[in-house]
Amino acid sequence: MRKAAEANGVAAADLDRAIAIVRVLQQGGEDPDDFVLREYILDGWLRGYLPLTVQAGDPTLNAWRLGQLAEAHYSGRRE
């Protein structure tokens, strides 16, 4: 995993922090995938790149799609 992270420009310290966050979530009984999805939805609502009419339980929403919307928003592009 470290080699892949390094090859993709992820610093070792950032990888270690991400691993620690996932462990804390899991220790608290949280599913990391659900956590990321909820955070993307909340960020999208707060930052305006996701309409408030979108429901958190919408089956068409997934972390990949929301990540694309977030990336477009923060890079100045719109999808």
C-alpha atoms as a PDB file:
ATOM      1  CA  MET A   1       0.000   0.000   0.000  1.00  0.00           C
ATOM      2  CA  ARG A   2       2.827   2.392   0.831  1.00  0.00           C
ATOM      3  CA  LYS A   3       4.415   1.954  -2.578  1.00  0.00           C
ATOM      4  CA  ALA A   4       1.099   2.640  -4.312  1.00  0.00           C
ATOM      5  CA  ALA A   5       0.495   5.703  -2.129  1.00  0.00           C
ATOM      6  CA  GLU A   6       3.975   7.041  -2.844  1.00  0.00           C
ATOM      7  CA  ALA A   7       3.570   6.406  -6.581  1.00  0.00           C
ATOM      8  CA  ASN A   8       0.371   8.474  -6.478  1.00  0.00           C
ATOM      9  CA  GLY A   9       1.967  11.371  -4.645  1.00  0.00           C
ATOM     10  CA  VAL A  10       0.594  10.597  -1.188  1.00  0.00           C
ATOM     11  CA  ALA A  11       3.081  11.411   1.552  1.00  0.00           C
ATOM     12  CA  ALA A  12       3.753   8.722   4.157  1.00  0.00           C
ATOM     13  CA  ALA A  13       2.516  11.017   6.937  1.00  0.00           C
ATOM     14  CA  ASP A  14      -0.776  11.604   5.101  1.00  0.00           C
ATOM     15  CA  LEU A  15      -1.243   7.875   4.572  1.00  0.00           C
ATOM     16  CA  ASP A  16      -0.556   7.183   8.251  1.00  0.00           C
ATOM     17  CA  ARG A  17      -3.093   9.836   9.257  1.00  0.00           C
ATOM     18  CA  ALA A  18      -5.717   8.370   6.934  1.00  0.00           C
ATOM     19  CA  ILE A  19      -5.110   4.890   8.345  1.00  0.00           C
ATOM     20  CA  ALA A  20      -5.452   6.237  11.896  1.00  0.00           C
ATOM     21  CA  ILE A  21      -8.749   7.950  11.006  1.00  0.00           C
ATOM     22  CA  VAL A  22     -10.173   4.748   9.512  1.00  0.00           C
ATOM     23  CA  ARG A  23      -9.168   2.823  12.631  1.00  0.00           C
ATOM     24  CA  VAL A  24     -10.837   5.374  14.919  1.00  0.00           C
ATOM     25  CA  LEU A  25     -14.020   5.195  12.850  1.00  0.00           C
ATOM     26  CA  GLN A  26     -14.023   1.403  12.946  1.00  0.00           C
ATOM     27  CA  GLN A  27     -13.351   1.322  16.698  1.00  0.00           C
ATOM     28  CA  GLY A  28     -16.380   3.555  17.167  1.00  0.00           C
ATOM     29  CA  GLY A  29     -18.551   1.172  15.156  1.00  0.00           C
ATOM     30  CA  GLU A  30     -18.693   3.509  12.151  1.00  0.00           C
ATOM     31  CA  ASP A  31     -18.540   2.169   8.608  1.00  0.00           C
ATOM     32  CA  PRO A  32     -15.848   4.293   6.879  1.00  0.00           C
ATOM     33  CA  ASP A  33     -17.695   4.080   3.543  1.00  0.00           C
ATOM     34  CA  ASP A  34     -20.923   5.415   5.098  1.00  0.00           C
ATOM     35  CA  PHE A  35     -18.973   8.136   6.895  1.00  0.00           C
ATOM     36  CA  VAL A  36     -17.317   9.346   3.678  1.00  0.00           C
ATOM     37  CA  LEU A  37     -20.627   9.314   1.815  1.00  0.00           C
ATOM     38  CA  ARG A  38     -22.358  11.373   4.519  1.00  0.00           C
ATOM     39  CA  GLU A  39     -19.474  13.847   4.665  1.00  0.00           C
ATOM     40  CA  TYR A  40     -19.563  14.362   0.899  1.00  0.00           C
ATOM     41  CA  ILE A  41     -23.322  14.918   0.991  1.00  0.00           C
ATOM     42  CA  LEU A  42     -23.066  17.398   3.846  1.00  0.00           C
ATOM     43  CA  ASP A  43     -20.195  19.242   2.142  1.00  0.00           C
ATOM     44  CA  GLY A  44     -22.154  19.340  -1.107  1.00  0.00           C
ATOM     45  CA  TRP A  45     -25.188  20.810   0.628  1.00  0.00           C
ATOM     46  CA  LEU A  46     -23.109  23.364   2.551  1.00  0.00           C
ATOM     47  CA  ARG A  47     -20.957  24.420  -0.415  1.00  0.00           C
ATOM     48  CA  GLY A  48     -23.810  24.394  -2.911  1.00  0.00           C
ATOM     49  CA  TYR A  49     -22.578  21.826  -5.406  1.00  0.00           C
ATOM     50  CA  LEU A  50     -25.305  19.409  -4.351  1.00  0.00           C
ATOM     51  CA  PRO A  51     -28.928  20.604  -4.299  1.00  0.00           C
ATOM     52  CA  LEU A  52     -30.731  20.487  -0.961  1.00  0.00           C
ATOM     53  CA  THR A  53     -33.469  18.499  -2.667  1.00  0.00           C
ATOM     54  CA  VAL A  54     -31.082  15.553  -3.034  1.00  0.00           C
ATOM     55  CA  GLN A  55     -31.838  12.926  -0.425  1.00  0.00           C
ATOM     56  CA  ALA A  56     -29.009  11.296   1.507  1.00  0.00           C
ATOM     57  CA  GLY A  57     -30.505   7.879   0.743  1.00  0.00           C
ATOM     58  CA  ASP A  58     -30.539   8.436  -3.027  1.00  0.00           C
ATOM     59  CA  PRO A  59     -29.234   5.171  -4.542  1.00  0.00           C
ATOM     60  CA  THR A  60     -27.641   7.051  -7.466  1.00  0.00           C
ATOM     61  CA  LEU A  61     -25.258   8.803  -5.098  1.00  0.00           C
ATOM     62  CA  ASN A  62     -21.994   7.100  -4.362  1.00  0.00           C
ATOM     63  CA  ALA A  63     -18.659   8.278  -3.033  1.00  0.00           C
ATOM     64  CA  TRP A  64     -17.100   8.220  -6.506  1.00  0.00           C
ATOM     65  CA  ARG A  65     -19.784  10.479  -8.042  1.00  0.00           C
ATOM     66  CA  LEU A  66     -19.829  12.814  -5.054  1.00  0.00           C
ATOM     67  CA  GLY A  67     -16.045  12.958  -5.119  1.00  0.00           C
ATOM     68  CA  GLN A  68     -16.189  14.006  -8.770  1.00  0.00           C
ATOM     69  CA  LEU A  69     -18.660  16.766  -7.931  1.00  0.00           C
ATOM     70  CA  ALA A  70     -16.517  17.940  -5.025  1.00  0.00           C
ATOM     71  CA  GLU A  71     -13.373  17.944  -7.148  1.00  0.00           C
ATOM     72  CA  ALA A  72     -15.124  19.931  -9.873  1.00  0.00           C
ATOM     73  CA  HIS A  73     -16.412  22.422  -7.299  1.00  0.00           C
ATOM     74  CA  TYR A  74     -13.102  22.955  -5.534  1.00  0.00           C
ATOM     75  CA  SER A  75     -11.101  23.140  -8.770  1.00  0.00           C
ATOM     76  CA  GLY A  76     -13.469  25.746 -10.178  1.00  0.00           C
ATOM     77  CA  ARG A  77     -15.035  23.462 -12.785  1.00  0.00           C
ATOM     78  CA  ARG A  78     -18.743  22.635 -12.816  1.00  0.00           C
ATOM     79  CA  GLU A  79     -20.283  19.347 -13.889  1.00  0.00           C
END
